[in-house]
Structure formats: C-alpha cells, structure tokens
C-alpha cells in the first residue's frame, strides 16, 4: 500500500467545464469546532480547515474563500498553540 501511495501515477487529460464542478458538503460538524481557532472541541490540538469542514455554498469564490480563511485561522492558531507549549 505504501509503495502504491508513493509511486502511483495518474495522467491528467484536461479539466472539466465550469458546469461540471461541484462542492462536497458534509464533514466535521461545525458544532464540534471552535470557530475562533478551528480547533476541535472534542480533541485538543486537532484543527480543521477547508472541505473537511461541513460548509456548503455555491461553487466558486465562496468555497475558495471558506477554504482559505479556515486554513489561515487553523494555521495561525496551531502555530500559536505550538509556540506557547514550547515556551
């Protein structure tokens, strides 16, 4: 399995048209995440961002923005958490 994951190759033959794009809803329930930090309320030190979070919107900029914003918030707070635990 490890060999396949590391060395598996796929050919890309182009991209789909805008009308074929979609967003997958589902994922980590927002009630289980601190929205200020994106940290799990159930497991300390575990952060979520992007499409693993149960956020759904119209395809395009809304979902990109949600992914970028949650990624920024989670990354910033992970770094703050790590730096405070090292001090």
C-alpha atoms as a PDB file:
ATOM      1  CA  UNK A   1       0.000   0.000   0.000  1.00  0.00           C
ATOM      2  CA  UNK A   2       2.818   2.415   0.886  1.00  0.00           C
ATOM      3  CA  UNK A   3       4.581   1.707  -2.418  1.00  0.00           C
ATOM      4  CA  UNK A   4       1.364   2.417  -4.325  1.00  0.00           C
ATOM      5  CA  UNK A   5       0.674   5.661  -2.422  1.00  0.00           C
ATOM      6  CA  UNK A   6       4.196   6.954  -3.014  1.00  0.00           C
ATOM      7  CA  UNK A   7       4.680   5.871  -6.636  1.00  0.00           C
ATOM      8  CA  UNK A   8       1.146   5.873  -8.054  1.00  0.00           C
ATOM      9  CA  UNK A   9       0.928   7.979 -11.222  1.00  0.00           C
ATOM     10  CA  UNK A  10      -2.151   9.408 -12.950  1.00  0.00           C
ATOM     11  CA  UNK A  11      -2.436  11.143 -16.308  1.00  0.00           C
ATOM     12  CA  UNK A  12      -4.327  14.432 -16.417  1.00  0.00           C
ATOM     13  CA  UNK A  13      -6.153  14.876 -19.713  1.00  0.00           C
ATOM     14  CA  UNK A  14      -7.516  18.376 -19.161  1.00  0.00           C
ATOM     15  CA  UNK A  15     -10.039  19.992 -16.901  1.00  0.00           C
ATOM     16  CA  UNK A  16     -13.781  19.962 -16.684  1.00  0.00           C
ATOM     17  CA  UNK A  17     -16.005  22.831 -17.675  1.00  0.00           C
ATOM     18  CA  UNK A  18     -17.358  25.189 -15.019  1.00  0.00           C
ATOM     19  CA  UNK A  19     -20.770  23.495 -15.127  1.00  0.00           C
ATOM     20  CA  UNK A  20     -19.316  20.152 -14.022  1.00  0.00           C
ATOM     21  CA  UNK A  21     -17.666  21.458 -10.862  1.00  0.00           C
ATOM     22  CA  UNK A  22     -19.243  20.764  -7.518  1.00  0.00           C
ATOM     23  CA  UNK A  23     -18.623  21.112  -3.817  1.00  0.00           C
ATOM     24  CA  UNK A  24     -18.900  18.194  -1.456  1.00  0.00           C
ATOM     25  CA  UNK A  25     -20.939  19.001   1.625  1.00  0.00           C
ATOM     26  CA  UNK A  26     -20.503  17.032   4.792  1.00  0.00           C
ATOM     27  CA  UNK A  27     -17.547  16.581   7.018  1.00  0.00           C
ATOM     28  CA  UNK A  28     -16.756  17.734  10.520  1.00  0.00           C
ATOM     29  CA  UNK A  29     -19.854  19.203  12.175  1.00  0.00           C
ATOM     30  CA  UNK A  30     -19.442  22.937  12.837  1.00  0.00           C
ATOM     31  CA  UNK A  31     -20.775  22.407  16.374  1.00  0.00           C
ATOM     32  CA  UNK A  32     -17.644  20.348  17.084  1.00  0.00           C
ATOM     33  CA  UNK A  33     -15.235  23.143  16.059  1.00  0.00           C
ATOM     34  CA  UNK A  34     -14.277  26.369  17.823  1.00  0.00           C
ATOM     35  CA  UNK A  35     -14.865  28.926  15.009  1.00  0.00           C
ATOM     36  CA  UNK A  36     -12.344  31.364  16.518  1.00  0.00           C
ATOM     37  CA  UNK A  37      -9.480  28.853  16.237  1.00  0.00           C
ATOM     38  CA  UNK A  38     -10.787  25.976  14.061  1.00  0.00           C
ATOM     39  CA  UNK A  39      -9.700  23.618  16.868  1.00  0.00           C
ATOM     40  CA  UNK A  40     -11.759  20.547  17.648  1.00  0.00           C
ATOM     41  CA  UNK A  41     -13.914  20.875  20.738  1.00  0.00           C
ATOM     42  CA  UNK A  42     -13.531  17.112  21.220  1.00  0.00           C
ATOM     43  CA  UNK A  43      -9.770  16.616  20.724  1.00  0.00           C
ATOM     44  CA  UNK A  44      -7.385  19.296  21.950  1.00  0.00           C
ATOM     45  CA  UNK A  45      -4.691  20.235  19.421  1.00  0.00           C
ATOM     46  CA  UNK A  46      -6.629  18.937  16.390  1.00  0.00           C
ATOM     47  CA  UNK A  47      -7.520  21.632  13.843  1.00  0.00           C
ATOM     48  CA  UNK A  48      -9.739  21.511  10.757  1.00  0.00           C
ATOM     49  CA  UNK A  49      -9.892  23.595   7.576  1.00  0.00           C
ATOM     50  CA  UNK A  50     -11.274  23.609   4.061  1.00  0.00           C
ATOM     51  CA  UNK A  51     -13.580  20.947   2.708  1.00  0.00           C
ATOM     52  CA  UNK A  52     -13.201  18.619   5.696  1.00  0.00           C
ATOM     53  CA  UNK A  53     -15.493  21.088   7.492  1.00  0.00           C
ATOM     54  CA  UNK A  54     -19.251  20.851   6.908  1.00  0.00           C
ATOM     55  CA  UNK A  55     -19.573  24.099   4.955  1.00  0.00           C
ATOM     56  CA  UNK A  56     -21.579  24.198   1.736  1.00  0.00           C
ATOM     57  CA  UNK A  57     -22.083  27.064  -0.705  1.00  0.00           C
ATOM     58  CA  UNK A  58     -22.348  27.876  -4.395  1.00  0.00           C
ATOM     59  CA  UNK A  59     -19.367  26.565  -6.385  1.00  0.00           C
ATOM     60  CA  UNK A  60     -16.691  29.167  -6.903  1.00  0.00           C
ATOM     61  CA  UNK A  61     -15.404  32.001  -4.809  1.00  0.00           C
ATOM     62  CA  UNK A  62     -17.474  31.312  -1.695  1.00  0.00           C
ATOM     63  CA  UNK A  63     -15.944  27.889  -1.141  1.00  0.00           C
ATOM     64  CA  UNK A  64     -12.453  29.046  -2.081  1.00  0.00           C
ATOM     65  CA  UNK A  65     -12.759  31.842   0.472  1.00  0.00           C
ATOM     66  CA  UNK A  66     -14.022  29.445   3.138  1.00  0.00           C
ATOM     67  CA  UNK A  67     -11.052  27.135   2.477  1.00  0.00           C
ATOM     68  CA  UNK A  68      -8.503  29.982   2.526  1.00  0.00           C
ATOM     69  CA  UNK A  69      -9.974  31.594   5.633  1.00  0.00           C
ATOM     70  CA  UNK A  70     -10.349  28.409   7.672  1.00  0.00           C
ATOM     71  CA  UNK A  71      -6.830  27.375   6.590  1.00  0.00           C
ATOM     72  CA  UNK A  72      -5.413  30.707   7.737  1.00  0.00           C
ATOM     73  CA  UNK A  73      -7.277  30.631  11.053  1.00  0.00           C
ATOM     74  CA  UNK A  74      -6.335  26.996  11.768  1.00  0.00           C
ATOM     75  CA  UNK A  75      -2.677  27.507  10.778  1.00  0.00           C
ATOM     76  CA  UNK A  76      -2.303  30.677  12.821  1.00  0.00           C
ATOM     77  CA  UNK A  77      -3.809  29.082  15.904  1.00  0.00           C
ATOM     78  CA  UNK A  78      -1.787  25.877  15.544  1.00  0.00           C
ATOM     79  CA  UNK A  79       1.383  27.987  15.428  1.00  0.00           C
ATOM     80  CA  UNK A  80       0.274  29.992  18.483  1.00  0.00           C
ATOM     81  CA  UNK A  81      -0.551  26.791  20.337  1.00  0.00           C
ATOM     82  CA  UNK A  82       2.827  25.248  19.496  1.00  0.00           C
ATOM     83  CA  UNK A  83       4.783  28.354  20.427  1.00  0.00           C
ATOM     84  CA  UNK A  84       3.020  28.649  23.788  1.00  0.00           C
ATOM     85  CA  UNK A  85       3.641  24.970  24.575  1.00  0.00           C
ATOM     86  CA  UNK A  86       7.375  25.330  23.771  1.00  0.00           C
ATOM     87  CA  UNK A  87       7.860  28.414  25.980  1.00  0.00           C
END
